Each structure stands twice: as structure tokens, then as C-alpha cells.
Amino acid sequence: MSDPYLLFHLSDIHFGLEDNRALDWVKQQIADKQPDAVAITGDLTMRARQHEFDAACAWIRSLEAPVTVEVGNHDLPYFNPVQRFFDPYKRIRAIADKVELPIDLPGLAIVPLKTVARWQPRPNWSKGWVTEAALERCLTRLDALPEGTRALVAAHHPLREAGTQGTALTRHGQKAMTELAKREVLAVLSGHVHDAFDLTQETVQGSVRMIGAGTLSRRLRSTPPSFNELRWDGAQLAVQVRNLEGYDTPEMMITEVPEDATPPRQPDEPVAPVDQVPPSDPPVH
């Protein structure tokens, strides 16, 4: 490749608790740097309310770049069970053309993998779930790519099955990663936990690189608002965690996938070296 691809990976913008200073900065960065694509890996809103989606969709449509959007667990209706089960994407139709949109660049593709579910046979529906149908759609798209094309897979939840407390984070995540390892994907891009990471997960078919983006909201975990800047030169995928405070990438990354986006309160929970843990848990509403 003569020029590396520049990709922006954003996540968890959470309109309803958005950080307008961070969003204005990212929008200007997109206008100035003109990335080849922007991947937003879910949680556009806090509670999937109409006014939150209106603001999120308007902001996304204003971005001057090709955009693909994953749906996060916060983007399914909380207070309207009928809509959640029968028309969960009704309030996101303003960007329907960008939701789970594959992006094809010469030699590089971004392929969506849905990890949210309308319901789950466990109490905590905020965690990830890779259904057979969702995995099949992703694998079919990967298998249809032209020979020599490399792929990034975009999901909301990290695909790791077990976290620091030993409970399932994303059900069937290990199966999904095993299938992705067979296809030698460059990395799985995700969000959900509000801190950035760049980790490797082993499977029986080989290793899978997992890249997580932080949040652009006021709902912080252990790092200030950030997004990932990715560069692919045809051989190496480089990751830089961009943030308004100017911290270096290693300072912004956690070395383990936490259970959720709640600030760490126990000694064994992962904390980024910058260690900007808020003194109280962030608001939900």
C-alpha cells in the first residue's frame, strides 16, 4: 500500500450523558484528518429515548466520513417492552443506512457482528450474546471478501467469555473468536467497558486481537474520554488512544477486560495506568 488507511474507532458516546467538549473535538478531528472510515461500536444513547437518539443520529450524520454503527445494549428500548421485542430499531431509523453496515476499502473491510439481544435466558441483559444467526451473517460476509482482503470485525461487546469475576461477559464469544481466528481477522473492535485495551485472546484455531475503545461520554470508568485512531499499512495495524488530555496510549489502556463500565472498586479490577477513577459511580439516567 502506498498510503496507510486511517480509521477512527469510537464507542459509547451515550447521548443523554454525552461529553460535548469531547464530541466537538472528535468531529473536528474527523473533518481535519478525513479518515477512510469511522466505526462506532455501540451505546449511542443512555436509555434509548427518542430525544437521545435524535441527538445521536444528528451528530453521526454530520460526520464527514463513511460511518458504520453497531448497536449497543443501551440502544435497545428500556421502558417500552413491546417496542424492544417487535421494533427495537424504530428510534434509530434516521441512520438506518449506517447500522451494521459493512465497509469495503481496497484490501480492507470492516464487517459487523451483532452482540446485543432483545432478551437473554439470564437476568443481566446488558451483557453480550452472539446468536447463531448473527455469527453466520458475519462469517458469510467474511468468506465473501475478495482474496487478499483483510478484515476488522466491529462489535459492541468484547467477545471474551469470562472476566475478572469469572462470569460470562459475552455468551458464545469464544466460539465466535474461534471462527474469526480461522479467517485470520486483523482484530475485533468493541466498546462497552469505557476503557481502551489492546489484548490477544487465544483459541484452538489461533489468536485473535481484541481492540477496545473508551467512551466519549461523562460516564467514565478509569480514563478520560477518548477514541482510537487506527492505521493499517498492509502489514501492521497500529493503535493510538487519542484523548484531550494528551496522555500516551499505554497510560490509557487496561490489561484485562472488566465486567462492565462501572468504575473499579475492588483491588482485582483492572485500572488503566492513568488511574482517573471517578470518586462515585457514574449516573445511569
C-alpha atoms as a PDB file:
ATOM      1  CA  MET A   1       0.000   0.000   0.000  1.00  0.00           C
ATOM      2  CA  SER A   2       1.303   3.455  -0.887  1.00  0.00           C
ATOM      3  CA  ASP A   3      -0.594   5.197   1.911  1.00  0.00           C
ATOM      4  CA  PRO A   4      -1.817   3.636   5.160  1.00  0.00           C
ATOM      5  CA  TYR A   5      -5.522   3.571   5.870  1.00  0.00           C
ATOM      6  CA  LEU A   6      -6.617   5.852   8.679  1.00  0.00           C
ATOM      7  CA  LEU A   7      -9.615   4.640  10.662  1.00  0.00           C
ATOM      8  CA  PHE A   8     -11.328   6.165  13.685  1.00  0.00           C
ATOM      9  CA  HIS A   9     -12.862   3.794  16.241  1.00  0.00           C
ATOM     10  CA  LEU A  10     -15.389   5.480  18.549  1.00  0.00           C
ATOM     11  CA  SER A  11     -17.638   3.926  21.138  1.00  0.00           C
ATOM     12  CA  ASP A  12     -20.099   4.599  23.942  1.00  0.00           C
ATOM     13  CA  ILE A  13     -20.971   8.178  23.082  1.00  0.00           C
ATOM     14  CA  HIS A  14     -24.047   7.869  25.325  1.00  0.00           C
ATOM     15  CA  PHE A  15     -26.203  10.821  24.331  1.00  0.00           C
ATOM     16  CA  GLY A  16     -28.086  11.671  27.486  1.00  0.00           C
ATOM     17  CA  LEU A  17     -24.738  11.797  29.308  1.00  0.00           C
ATOM     18  CA  GLU A  18     -22.599  12.885  26.370  1.00  0.00           C
ATOM     19  CA  ASP A  19     -19.449  14.948  26.753  1.00  0.00           C
ATOM     20  CA  ASN A  20     -19.993  17.788  24.285  1.00  0.00           C
ATOM     21  CA  ARG A  21     -16.419  19.034  24.523  1.00  0.00           C
ATOM     22  CA  ALA A  22     -15.125  15.584  23.550  1.00  0.00           C
ATOM     23  CA  LEU A  23     -17.693  15.168  20.774  1.00  0.00           C
ATOM     24  CA  ASP A  24     -16.896  18.578  19.271  1.00  0.00           C
ATOM     25  CA  TRP A  25     -13.192  17.687  19.339  1.00  0.00           C
ATOM     26  CA  VAL A  26     -13.725  14.310  17.649  1.00  0.00           C
ATOM     27  CA  LYS A  27     -15.951  15.829  14.986  1.00  0.00           C
ATOM     28  CA  GLN A  28     -13.256  18.400  14.213  1.00  0.00           C
ATOM     29  CA  GLN A  29     -10.605  15.674  14.127  1.00  0.00           C
ATOM     30  CA  ILE A  30     -12.683  13.795  11.551  1.00  0.00           C
ATOM     31  CA  ALA A  31     -13.099  16.938   9.451  1.00  0.00           C
ATOM     32  CA  ASP A  32      -9.373  17.728   9.655  1.00  0.00           C
ATOM     33  CA  LYS A  33      -7.884  14.249   9.182  1.00  0.00           C
ATOM     34  CA  GLN A  34     -10.572  12.792   6.885  1.00  0.00           C
ATOM     35  CA  PRO A  35     -10.268   9.148   7.979  1.00  0.00           C
ATOM     36  CA  ASP A  36     -11.091   6.486   5.421  1.00  0.00           C
ATOM     37  CA  ALA A  37     -13.829   5.177   7.725  1.00  0.00           C
ATOM     38  CA  VAL A  38     -15.308   5.645  11.198  1.00  0.00           C
ATOM     39  CA  ALA A  39     -16.505   2.640  13.198  1.00  0.00           C
ATOM     40  CA  ILE A  40     -18.819   3.396  16.131  1.00  0.00           C
ATOM     41  CA  THR A  41     -19.169   0.305  18.298  1.00  0.00           C
ATOM     42  CA  GLY A  42     -22.424   0.952  20.087  1.00  0.00           C
ATOM     43  CA  ASP A  43     -24.145   2.622  23.013  1.00  0.00           C
ATOM     44  CA  LEU A  44     -25.191   5.744  21.176  1.00  0.00           C
ATOM     45  CA  THR A  45     -27.594   6.657  23.991  1.00  0.00           C
ATOM     46  CA  MET A  46     -28.110   6.177  27.710  1.00  0.00           C
ATOM     47  CA  ARG A  47     -31.672   4.907  27.751  1.00  0.00           C
ATOM     48  CA  ALA A  48     -32.714   4.684  24.083  1.00  0.00           C
ATOM     49  CA  ARG A  49     -35.076   7.623  24.491  1.00  0.00           C
ATOM     50  CA  GLN A  50     -36.244   9.377  21.350  1.00  0.00           C
ATOM     51  CA  HIS A  51     -34.577  12.702  22.152  1.00  0.00           C
ATOM     52  CA  GLU A  52     -31.300  10.898  22.847  1.00  0.00           C
ATOM     53  CA  PHE A  53     -31.464   9.116  19.504  1.00  0.00           C
ATOM     54  CA  ASP A  54     -32.406  12.335  17.724  1.00  0.00           C
ATOM     55  CA  ALA A  55     -29.250  13.996  19.069  1.00  0.00           C
ATOM     56  CA  ALA A  56     -27.050  10.960  18.428  1.00  0.00           C
ATOM     57  CA  CYS A  57     -28.296  10.470  14.872  1.00  0.00           C
ATOM     58  CA  ALA A  58     -27.886  14.172  14.043  1.00  0.00           C
ATOM     59  CA  TRP A  59     -24.299  14.099  15.317  1.00  0.00           C
ATOM     60  CA  ILE A  60     -23.448  10.916  13.421  1.00  0.00           C
ATOM     61  CA  ARG A  61     -24.958  12.198  10.181  1.00  0.00           C
ATOM     62  CA  SER A  62     -22.861  15.364  10.497  1.00  0.00           C
ATOM     63  CA  LEU A  63     -19.580  13.420  10.395  1.00  0.00           C
ATOM     64  CA  GLU A  64     -17.613  13.934   7.204  1.00  0.00           C
ATOM     65  CA  ALA A  65     -16.543  10.320   6.632  1.00  0.00           C
ATOM     66  CA  PRO A  66     -18.006   6.892   5.827  1.00  0.00           C
ATOM     67  CA  VAL A  67     -19.524   5.587   9.075  1.00  0.00           C
ATOM     68  CA  THR A  68     -20.633   2.164  10.262  1.00  0.00           C
ATOM     69  CA  VAL A  69     -22.568   1.866  13.537  1.00  0.00           C
ATOM     70  CA  GLU A  70     -23.080  -1.090  15.852  1.00  0.00           C
ATOM     71  CA  VAL A  71     -25.992  -1.159  18.270  1.00  0.00           C
ATOM     72  CA  GLY A  72     -25.173  -1.420  21.969  1.00  0.00           C
ATOM     73  CA  ASN A  73     -27.191  -2.729  24.885  1.00  0.00           C
ATOM     74  CA  HIS A  74     -28.103   0.852  25.870  1.00  0.00           C
ATOM     75  CA  ASP A  75     -29.663   1.352  22.427  1.00  0.00           C
ATOM     76  CA  LEU A  76     -32.491  -1.150  22.899  1.00  0.00           C
ATOM     77  CA  PRO A  77     -35.656   0.307  24.492  1.00  0.00           C
ATOM     78  CA  TYR A  78     -35.657   0.057  28.280  1.00  0.00           C
ATOM     79  CA  PHE A  79     -39.112   1.386  29.107  1.00  0.00           C
ATOM     80  CA  ASN A  80     -41.145   0.051  26.169  1.00  0.00           C
ATOM     81  CA  PRO A  81     -41.035  -3.773  26.146  1.00  0.00           C
ATOM     82  CA  VAL A  82     -43.389  -4.004  23.151  1.00  0.00           C
ATOM     83  CA  GLN A  83     -41.051  -1.896  21.054  1.00  0.00           C
ATOM     84  CA  ARG A  84     -37.993  -3.714  22.411  1.00  0.00           C
ATOM     85  CA  PHE A  85     -39.310  -7.069  21.196  1.00  0.00           C
ATOM     86  CA  PHE A  86     -41.108  -6.107  17.983  1.00  0.00           C
ATOM     87  CA  ASP A  87     -39.419  -2.938  16.650  1.00  0.00           C
ATOM     88  CA  PRO A  88     -36.218  -2.328  18.641  1.00  0.00           C
ATOM     89  CA  TYR A  89     -34.565  -0.142  15.968  1.00  0.00           C
ATOM     90  CA  LYS A  90     -37.543   2.152  15.413  1.00  0.00           C
ATOM     91  CA  ARG A  91     -35.896   5.160  17.058  1.00  0.00           C
ATOM     92  CA  ILE A  92     -32.650   4.735  15.139  1.00  0.00           C
ATOM     93  CA  ARG A  93     -34.113   4.845  11.638  1.00  0.00           C
ATOM     94  CA  ALA A  94     -32.518   8.214  10.895  1.00  0.00           C
ATOM     95  CA  ILE A  95     -29.209   6.375  10.484  1.00  0.00           C
ATOM     96  CA  ALA A  96     -30.610   3.029   9.314  1.00  0.00           C
ATOM     97  CA  ASP A  97     -28.281   3.162   6.302  1.00  0.00           C
ATOM     98  CA  LYS A  98     -25.267   3.104   8.660  1.00  0.00           C
ATOM     99  CA  VAL A  99     -26.369   0.468  11.197  1.00  0.00           C
ATOM    100  CA  GLU A 100     -24.416  -2.800  10.827  1.00  0.00           C
ATOM    101  CA  LEU A 101     -23.066  -1.505   7.529  1.00  0.00           C
ATOM    102  CA  PRO A 102     -20.089  -3.388   6.071  1.00  0.00           C
ATOM    103  CA  ILE A 103     -17.417  -1.041   4.765  1.00  0.00           C
ATOM    104  CA  ASP A 104     -15.281  -2.222   1.873  1.00  0.00           C
ATOM    105  CA  LEU A 105     -11.993  -0.496   1.093  1.00  0.00           C
ATOM    106  CA  PRO A 106      -9.426  -1.838  -1.366  1.00  0.00           C
ATOM    107  CA  GLY A 107      -7.713  -4.604   0.587  1.00  0.00           C
ATOM    108  CA  LEU A 108      -9.511  -3.881   3.868  1.00  0.00           C
ATOM    109  CA  ALA A 109     -13.056  -4.435   5.129  1.00  0.00           C
ATOM    110  CA  ILE A 110     -14.982  -3.652   8.300  1.00  0.00           C
ATOM    111  CA  VAL A 111     -17.535  -6.389   8.980  1.00  0.00           C
ATOM    112  CA  PRO A 112     -20.251  -6.083  11.665  1.00  0.00           C
ATOM    113  CA  LEU A 113     -21.006  -8.682  14.334  1.00  0.00           C
ATOM    114  CA  LYS A 114     -24.139  -8.071  16.385  1.00  0.00           C
ATOM    115  CA  THR A 115     -23.708  -8.855  20.097  1.00  0.00           C
ATOM    116  CA  VAL A 116     -26.921  -7.413  21.587  1.00  0.00           C
ATOM    117  CA  ALA A 117     -30.099  -9.401  22.133  1.00  0.00           C
ATOM    118  CA  ARG A 118     -33.715  -8.393  22.777  1.00  0.00           C
ATOM    119  CA  TRP A 119     -33.789 -10.925  25.586  1.00  0.00           C
ATOM    120  CA  GLN A 120     -31.468 -13.476  27.186  1.00  0.00           C
ATOM    121  CA  PRO A 121     -32.056 -16.531  29.381  1.00  0.00           C
ATOM    122  CA  ARG A 122     -30.161 -14.821  32.234  1.00  0.00           C
ATOM    123  CA  PRO A 123     -31.028 -11.825  34.403  1.00  0.00           C
ATOM    124  CA  ASN A 124     -28.444  -9.377  33.072  1.00  0.00           C
ATOM    125  CA  TRP A 125     -29.467  -8.457  29.529  1.00  0.00           C
ATOM    126  CA  SER A 126     -26.747  -5.801  29.271  1.00  0.00           C
ATOM    127  CA  LYS A 127     -24.087  -8.411  28.613  1.00  0.00           C
ATOM    128  CA  GLY A 128     -23.191  -9.708  25.181  1.00  0.00           C
ATOM    129  CA  TRP A 129     -24.766 -12.586  23.301  1.00  0.00           C
ATOM    130  CA  VAL A 130     -23.645 -13.830  19.893  1.00  0.00           C
ATOM    131  CA  THR A 131     -26.544 -15.665  18.297  1.00  0.00           C
ATOM    132  CA  GLU A 132     -26.077 -18.327  15.639  1.00  0.00           C
ATOM    133  CA  ALA A 133     -27.756 -16.055  13.101  1.00  0.00           C
ATOM    134  CA  ALA A 134     -25.537 -13.068  13.921  1.00  0.00           C
ATOM    135  CA  LEU A 135     -22.366 -15.144  13.718  1.00  0.00           C
ATOM    136  CA  GLU A 136     -23.468 -16.713  10.436  1.00  0.00           C
ATOM    137  CA  ARG A 137     -24.098 -13.285   8.883  1.00  0.00           C
ATOM    138  CA  CYS A 138     -20.649 -12.123   9.947  1.00  0.00           C
ATOM    139  CA  LEU A 139     -18.870 -15.250   8.698  1.00  0.00           C
ATOM    140  CA  THR A 140     -20.740 -15.202   5.390  1.00  0.00           C
ATOM    141  CA  ARG A 141     -19.573 -11.634   4.782  1.00  0.00           C
ATOM    142  CA  LEU A 142     -16.013 -12.513   5.728  1.00  0.00           C
ATOM    143  CA  ASP A 143     -15.970 -15.547   3.445  1.00  0.00           C
ATOM    144  CA  ALA A 144     -17.277 -13.453   0.543  1.00  0.00           C
ATOM    145  CA  LEU A 145     -14.442 -10.914   0.690  1.00  0.00           C
ATOM    146  CA  PRO A 146     -12.093 -10.801  -2.299  1.00  0.00           C
ATOM    147  CA  GLU A 147      -8.934 -12.853  -1.965  1.00  0.00           C
ATOM    148  CA  GLY A 148      -6.234 -10.930  -0.136  1.00  0.00           C
ATOM    149  CA  THR A 149      -8.657  -8.580   1.648  1.00  0.00           C
ATOM    150  CA  ARG A 150      -8.066  -8.317   5.380  1.00  0.00           C
ATOM    151  CA  ALA A 151     -10.904  -7.642   7.811  1.00  0.00           C
ATOM    152  CA  LEU A 152     -11.726  -5.897  11.041  1.00  0.00           C
ATOM    153  CA  VAL A 153     -14.833  -7.121  12.865  1.00  0.00           C
ATOM    154  CA  ALA A 154     -16.905  -4.469  14.666  1.00  0.00           C
ATOM    155  CA  ALA A 155     -18.991  -5.486  17.693  1.00  0.00           C
ATOM    156  CA  HIS A 156     -20.285  -3.715  20.781  1.00  0.00           C
ATOM    157  CA  HIS A 157     -19.269  -6.199  23.469  1.00  0.00           C
ATOM    158  CA  PRO A 158     -15.785  -7.628  23.899  1.00  0.00           C
ATOM    159  CA  LEU A 159     -16.023 -11.284  22.871  1.00  0.00           C
ATOM    160  CA  ARG A 160     -14.201 -12.594  25.931  1.00  0.00           C
ATOM    161  CA  GLU A 161     -16.380 -15.077  27.803  1.00  0.00           C
ATOM    162  CA  ALA A 162     -15.059 -14.657  31.351  1.00  0.00           C
ATOM    163  CA  GLY A 163     -13.805 -11.587  33.152  1.00  0.00           C
ATOM    164  CA  THR A 164     -12.229 -10.760  36.463  1.00  0.00           C
ATOM    165  CA  GLN A 165     -15.118 -12.198  38.463  1.00  0.00           C
ATOM    166  CA  GLY A 166     -15.439 -15.346  36.355  1.00  0.00           C
ATOM    167  CA  THR A 167     -18.922 -14.709  34.940  1.00  0.00           C
ATOM    168  CA  ALA A 168     -19.821 -14.815  31.269  1.00  0.00           C
ATOM    169  CA  LEU A 169     -19.311 -11.473  29.564  1.00  0.00           C
ATOM    170  CA  THR A 170     -20.381 -12.391  26.039  1.00  0.00           C
ATOM    171  CA  ARG A 171     -22.120 -15.724  25.661  1.00  0.00           C
ATOM    172  CA  HIS A 172     -20.759 -17.700  22.698  1.00  0.00           C
ATOM    173  CA  GLY A 173     -17.944 -15.164  22.418  1.00  0.00           C
ATOM    174  CA  GLN A 174     -15.257 -17.858  22.485  1.00  0.00           C
ATOM    175  CA  LYS A 175     -16.985 -19.740  19.684  1.00  0.00           C
ATOM    176  CA  ALA A 176     -17.142 -16.544  17.644  1.00  0.00           C
ATOM    177  CA  MET A 177     -13.440 -15.827  18.221  1.00  0.00           C
ATOM    178  CA  THR A 178     -12.520 -19.368  17.204  1.00  0.00           C
ATOM    179  CA  GLU A 179     -14.317 -18.878  13.898  1.00  0.00           C
ATOM    180  CA  LEU A 180     -12.723 -15.459  13.421  1.00  0.00           C
ATOM    181  CA  ALA A 181      -9.277 -16.924  14.124  1.00  0.00           C
ATOM    182  CA  LYS A 182      -9.817 -19.385  11.271  1.00  0.00           C
ATOM    183  CA  ARG A 183     -10.305 -16.415   8.976  1.00  0.00           C
ATOM    184  CA  GLU A 184      -7.290 -14.517  10.334  1.00  0.00           C
ATOM    185  CA  VAL A 185      -9.172 -11.282  11.016  1.00  0.00           C
ATOM    186  CA  LEU A 186      -6.920  -8.363  11.893  1.00  0.00           C
ATOM    187  CA  ALA A 187      -8.817  -7.548  15.085  1.00  0.00           C
ATOM    188  CA  VAL A 188     -12.208  -7.355  16.746  1.00  0.00           C
ATOM    189  CA  LEU A 189     -13.170  -3.760  17.545  1.00  0.00           C
ATOM    190  CA  SER A 190     -15.500  -3.255  20.513  1.00  0.00           C
ATOM    191  CA  GLY A 191     -16.570  -0.885  23.267  1.00  0.00           C
ATOM    192  CA  HIS A 192     -18.921  -1.376  26.240  1.00  0.00           C
ATOM    193  CA  VAL A 193     -16.389  -1.151  29.106  1.00  0.00           C
ATOM    194  CA  HIS A 194     -15.450   2.557  28.676  1.00  0.00           C
ATOM    195  CA  ASP A 195     -11.673   1.981  28.862  1.00  0.00           C
ATOM    196  CA  ALA A 196      -9.391   1.246  25.923  1.00  0.00           C
ATOM    197  CA  PHE A 197      -7.464  -2.008  25.529  1.00  0.00           C
ATOM    198  CA  ASP A 198      -5.397  -3.949  23.002  1.00  0.00           C
ATOM    199  CA  LEU A 199      -5.251  -7.607  24.010  1.00  0.00           C
ATOM    200  CA  THR A 200      -4.853 -11.038  22.472  1.00  0.00           C
ATOM    201  CA  GLN A 201      -7.216 -13.946  23.071  1.00  0.00           C
ATOM    202  CA  GLU A 202      -6.097 -17.483  22.315  1.00  0.00           C
ATOM    203  CA  THR A 203      -8.367 -20.036  20.653  1.00  0.00           C
ATOM    204  CA  VAL A 204      -7.804 -23.557  19.363  1.00  0.00           C
ATOM    205  CA  GLN A 205      -7.566 -22.048  15.874  1.00  0.00           C
ATOM    206  CA  GLY A 206      -5.044 -19.365  16.781  1.00  0.00           C
ATOM    207  CA  SER A 207      -5.039 -15.956  18.405  1.00  0.00           C
ATOM    208  CA  VAL A 208      -7.485 -13.070  17.982  1.00  0.00           C
ATOM    209  CA  ARG A 209      -6.577  -9.450  18.641  1.00  0.00           C
ATOM    210  CA  MET A 210      -9.168  -7.526  20.654  1.00  0.00           C
ATOM    211  CA  ILE A 211      -9.155  -3.723  20.464  1.00  0.00           C
ATOM    212  CA  GLY A 212     -11.483  -1.759  22.725  1.00  0.00           C
ATOM    213  CA  ALA A 213     -12.308   1.933  22.566  1.00  0.00           C
ATOM    214  CA  GLY A 214     -13.057   4.129  25.549  1.00  0.00           C
ATOM    215  CA  THR A 215     -16.071   6.376  25.994  1.00  0.00           C
ATOM    216  CA  LEU A 216     -16.889   9.843  24.690  1.00  0.00           C
ATOM    217  CA  SER A 217     -19.377  10.421  27.493  1.00  0.00           C
ATOM    218  CA  ARG A 218     -19.348  11.636  31.078  1.00  0.00           C
ATOM    219  CA  ARG A 219     -19.853   8.055  32.230  1.00  0.00           C
ATOM    220  CA  LEU A 220     -16.187   7.322  32.919  1.00  0.00           C
ATOM    221  CA  ARG A 221     -14.512   4.219  34.315  1.00  0.00           C
ATOM    222  CA  SER A 222     -10.758   4.804  34.851  1.00  0.00           C
ATOM    223  CA  THR A 223      -9.740   7.014  31.912  1.00  0.00           C
ATOM    224  CA  PRO A 224     -10.824  10.370  30.448  1.00  0.00           C
ATOM    225  CA  PRO A 225     -12.917  10.459  27.233  1.00  0.00           C
ATOM    226  CA  SER A 226     -11.069   9.003  24.247  1.00  0.00           C
ATOM    227  CA  PHE A 227     -11.260   7.290  20.884  1.00  0.00           C
ATOM    228  CA  ASN A 228      -8.913   5.019  18.930  1.00  0.00           C
ATOM    229  CA  GLU A 229      -7.001   6.082  15.856  1.00  0.00           C
ATOM    230  CA  LEU A 230      -6.061   3.030  13.768  1.00  0.00           C
ATOM    231  CA  ARG A 231      -3.543   2.887  10.935  1.00  0.00           C
ATOM    232  CA  TRP A 232      -3.235  -0.095   8.587  1.00  0.00           C
ATOM    233  CA  ASP A 233      -0.321  -0.134   6.165  1.00  0.00           C
ATOM    234  CA  GLY A 234      -0.995  -3.557   4.690  1.00  0.00           C
ATOM    235  CA  ALA A 235       1.248  -5.307   7.207  1.00  0.00           C
ATOM    236  CA  GLN A 236       0.746  -3.752  10.648  1.00  0.00           C
ATOM    237  CA  LEU A 237      -2.295  -2.383  12.476  1.00  0.00           C
ATOM    238  CA  ALA A 238      -1.235   0.416  14.831  1.00  0.00           C
ATOM    239  CA  VAL A 239      -3.471   1.798  17.577  1.00  0.00           C
ATOM    240  CA  GLN A 240      -3.266   5.207  19.214  1.00  0.00           C
ATOM    241  CA  VAL A 241      -5.660   6.180  22.012  1.00  0.00           C
ATOM    242  CA  ARG A 242      -6.486   9.819  21.349  1.00  0.00           C
ATOM    243  CA  ASN A 243      -7.623  11.959  24.278  1.00  0.00           C
ATOM    244  CA  LEU A 244      -7.915  15.660  25.035  1.00  0.00           C
ATOM    245  CA  GLU A 245      -5.520  15.423  27.978  1.00  0.00           C
ATOM    246  CA  GLY A 246      -2.690  14.191  25.751  1.00  0.00           C
ATOM    247  CA  TYR A 247      -1.889  11.021  27.683  1.00  0.00           C
ATOM    248  CA  ASP A 248       0.213   8.432  25.858  1.00  0.00           C
ATOM    249  CA  THR A 249      -1.534   5.313  24.612  1.00  0.00           C
ATOM    250  CA  PRO A 250      -0.035   2.876  27.185  1.00  0.00           C
ATOM    251  CA  GLU A 251      -1.285   5.095  30.017  1.00  0.00           C
ATOM    252  CA  MET A 252      -4.850   4.864  28.682  1.00  0.00           C
ATOM    253  CA  MET A 253      -5.093   1.093  28.288  1.00  0.00           C
ATOM    254  CA  ILE A 254      -6.273  -1.572  30.691  1.00  0.00           C
ATOM    255  CA  THR A 255      -4.664  -5.021  30.610  1.00  0.00           C
ATOM    256  CA  GLU A 256      -7.803  -7.059  31.295  1.00  0.00           C
ATOM    257  CA  VAL A 257     -11.418  -6.831  30.182  1.00  0.00           C
ATOM    258  CA  PRO A 258     -13.588  -5.791  33.156  1.00  0.00           C
ATOM    259  CA  GLU A 259     -17.083  -6.987  33.892  1.00  0.00           C
ATOM    260  CA  ASP A 260     -18.719  -3.724  32.852  1.00  0.00           C
ATOM    261  CA  ALA A 261     -18.223   0.040  32.689  1.00  0.00           C
ATOM    262  CA  THR A 262     -18.612   0.586  36.444  1.00  0.00           C
ATOM    263  CA  PRO A 263     -15.560   2.275  37.996  1.00  0.00           C
ATOM    264  CA  PRO A 264     -13.233  -0.231  39.686  1.00  0.00           C
ATOM    265  CA  ARG A 265     -13.881  -0.532  43.404  1.00  0.00           C
ATOM    266  CA  GLN A 266     -12.111  -3.825  44.218  1.00  0.00           C
ATOM    267  CA  PRO A 267      -8.328  -4.428  44.229  1.00  0.00           C
ATOM    268  CA  ASP A 268      -8.502  -7.102  41.500  1.00  0.00           C
ATOM    269  CA  GLU A 269     -10.404  -4.968  38.984  1.00  0.00           C
ATOM    270  CA  PRO A 270      -8.351  -3.632  36.064  1.00  0.00           C
ATOM    271  CA  VAL A 271      -7.377   0.044  36.163  1.00  0.00           C
ATOM    272  CA  ALA A 272      -5.583   1.980  33.432  1.00  0.00           C
ATOM    273  CA  PRO A 273      -2.183   3.443  34.455  1.00  0.00           C
ATOM    274  CA  VAL A 274      -3.567   6.976  34.170  1.00  0.00           C
ATOM    275  CA  ASP A 275      -5.872   5.932  37.035  1.00  0.00           C
ATOM    276  CA  GLN A 276      -8.565   8.583  36.663  1.00  0.00           C
ATOM    277  CA  VAL A 277     -11.217   6.661  38.576  1.00  0.00           C
ATOM    278  CA  PRO A 278     -14.227   8.847  39.446  1.00  0.00           C
ATOM    279  CA  PRO A 279     -14.946   9.014  43.178  1.00  0.00           C
ATOM    280  CA  SER A 280     -18.557   7.907  42.706  1.00  0.00           C
ATOM    281  CA  ASP A 281     -20.271   5.625  40.246  1.00  0.00           C
ATOM    282  CA  PRO A 282     -21.452   7.486  37.159  1.00  0.00           C
ATOM    283  CA  PRO A 283     -25.157   8.261  36.855  1.00  0.00           C
ATOM    284  CA  VAL A 284     -27.299   5.949  34.762  1.00  0.00           C
ATOM    285  CA  HIS A 285     -30.219   8.235  33.875  1.00  0.00           C
END
